Amino acid sequence: LQTWTVMATVPGSGSLASYSLGTGLRQTFPGVEQNSAKSPVSIYPNPTILDKLEIVNAFSEGFTSLVLFTAAGQKVLDQGIVSDQMALDVNHLSKGVYILKMWKEGGESLHFKVSK
């Protein structure tokens, strides 16, 4: 198993955070919820197999916007959530680990680790 350490600036605080990345699917990020049975929102396929990432039930759960970040914190996608069945085009993204963050109007958010 090969691992790397990524240093990223935490938005709003200016402090650095360290994340360990491996070549397997056991990568973890502090504060990032994985797509699981306890989440009402489904993200699939993960890792992405084709060039689309499906998002289901986000709109009915009150989520209105989403942002996709690289593991280093760079924003690569920012869009509104307008339906319960969405397909994000991830064709332009390099292989790697991304963080998908969705927000409700009141500020509540949900995070997913996504691999391509």
Protein backbone atom coordinates (compact mmCIF):
# COMPACT_ATOMS: atom_id res chain seq x y z
CA LEU A 1 0.00 0.00 0.00
CA GLN A 2 1.48 3.30 -1.08
CA THR A 3 0.55 6.44 0.90
CA TRP A 4 0.95 10.19 0.50
CA THR A 5 0.41 13.07 2.87
CA VAL A 6 -1.45 16.10 1.54
CA MET A 7 -1.31 19.45 3.33
CA ALA A 8 -4.27 21.78 2.77
CA THR A 9 -5.31 25.14 4.18
CA VAL A 10 -8.57 24.96 6.13
CA PRO A 11 -10.95 27.56 4.62
CA GLY A 12 -11.69 30.48 6.92
CA SER A 13 -9.08 29.59 9.52
CA GLY A 14 -5.81 29.80 7.61
CA SER A 15 -4.53 26.74 9.48
CA LEU A 16 -3.05 23.71 7.75
CA ALA A 17 -4.63 20.25 7.85
CA SER A 18 -2.86 17.03 6.98
CA TYR A 19 -4.58 14.18 5.14
CA SER A 20 -3.08 10.76 4.46
CA LEU A 21 -3.98 9.23 1.13
CA GLY A 22 -3.42 5.65 0.06
CA THR A 23 -3.81 3.74 -3.16
CA GLY A 24 -6.61 1.63 -1.65
CA LEU A 25 -10.19 2.64 -0.90
CA ARG A 26 -9.55 3.10 2.83
CA GLN A 27 -8.73 6.79 2.60
CA THR A 28 -10.24 8.88 5.37
CA PHE A 29 -10.77 12.61 5.80
CA PRO A 30 -11.64 14.14 9.17
CA GLY A 31 -15.26 15.37 9.22
CA VAL A 32 -16.20 13.72 5.92
CA GLU A 33 -19.18 11.39 6.11
CA GLN A 34 -19.06 8.40 3.82
CA ASN A 35 -22.03 7.41 1.67
CA SER A 36 -23.79 5.00 4.03
CA ALA A 37 -27.18 3.65 5.04
CA LYS A 38 -27.56 6.45 7.61
CA SER A 39 -27.44 9.12 4.90
CA PRO A 40 -30.69 9.95 3.05
CA VAL A 41 -28.65 11.03 0.01
CA SER A 42 -27.11 8.47 -2.37
CA ILE A 43 -23.94 9.10 -4.35
CA TYR A 44 -22.95 6.45 -6.93
CA PRO A 45 -21.00 4.87 -8.50
CA ASN A 46 -18.20 5.56 -6.08
CA PRO A 47 -15.53 5.21 -7.27
CA THR A 48 -16.84 6.55 -10.54
CA ILE A 49 -16.64 4.05 -13.37
CA LEU A 50 -17.94 6.15 -16.22
CA ASP A 51 -17.93 9.92 -16.56
CA LYS A 52 -21.06 10.55 -14.47
CA LEU A 53 -21.65 10.69 -10.73
CA GLU A 54 -25.29 10.16 -9.76
CA ILE A 55 -26.78 12.04 -6.80
CA VAL A 56 -30.20 10.91 -5.54
CA ASN A 57 -32.58 12.46 -2.94
CA ALA A 58 -30.55 15.61 -2.22
CA PHE A 59 -33.31 17.99 -3.36
CA SER A 60 -36.10 16.35 -1.35
CA GLU A 61 -33.82 16.43 1.72
CA GLY A 62 -33.55 20.23 1.37
CA PHE A 63 -30.09 20.54 -0.17
CA THR A 64 -29.83 23.43 -2.62
CA SER A 65 -26.18 23.61 -3.71
CA LEU A 66 -23.09 21.46 -4.05
CA VAL A 67 -19.37 21.99 -4.46
CA LEU A 68 -16.76 19.42 -5.44
CA PHE A 69 -13.23 19.95 -4.07
CA THR A 70 -9.95 18.20 -4.78
CA ALA A 71 -8.21 16.57 -1.81
CA ALA A 72 -6.03 19.71 -1.67
CA GLY A 73 -9.12 21.94 -1.29
CA GLN A 74 -9.33 23.36 -4.83
CA LYS A 75 -12.92 23.94 -6.00
CA VAL A 76 -13.54 22.09 -9.30
CA LEU A 77 -17.36 22.19 -9.53
CA ASP A 78 -20.02 24.47 -8.06
CA GLN A 79 -23.71 24.15 -8.95
CA GLY A 80 -27.26 24.25 -7.66
CA ILE A 81 -29.33 21.20 -6.81
CA VAL A 82 -32.64 21.41 -8.68
CA SER A 83 -33.94 17.83 -8.75
CA ASP A 84 -33.82 14.54 -6.86
CA GLN A 85 -31.98 12.72 -9.65
CA MET A 86 -28.82 14.47 -10.81
CA ALA A 87 -25.89 13.31 -12.91
CA LEU A 88 -22.67 15.27 -12.49
CA ASP A 89 -20.31 15.22 -15.46
CA VAL A 90 -16.89 14.32 -14.01
CA ASN A 91 -15.25 13.55 -17.36
CA HIS A 92 -12.94 16.58 -17.09
CA LEU A 93 -11.59 15.55 -13.67
CA SER A 94 -8.31 13.72 -13.16
CA LYS A 95 -8.25 10.42 -11.30
CA GLY A 96 -8.04 10.99 -7.59
CA VAL A 97 -9.98 11.68 -4.40
CA TYR A 98 -12.54 14.50 -4.16
CA ILE A 99 -14.78 15.88 -1.44
CA LEU A 100 -18.42 16.56 -2.39
CA LYS A 101 -20.10 19.04 -0.05
CA MET A 102 -23.82 19.84 -0.20
CA TRP A 103 -25.58 22.68 1.64
CA LYS A 104 -29.10 23.45 2.79
CA GLU A 105 -30.30 27.07 2.86
CA GLY A 106 -29.93 27.16 6.66
CA GLY A 107 -26.23 26.33 6.39
CA GLU A 108 -26.40 22.63 7.29
CA SER A 109 -24.03 20.59 5.15
CA LEU A 110 -23.26 17.00 4.23
CA HIS A 111 -19.89 15.71 2.95
CA PHE A 112 -18.92 12.68 0.88
CA LYS A 113 -15.56 11.34 -0.23
CA VAL A 114 -15.70 10.56 -3.96
CA SER A 115 -13.04 8.67 -5.93
CA LYS A 116 -12.46 8.77 -9.64
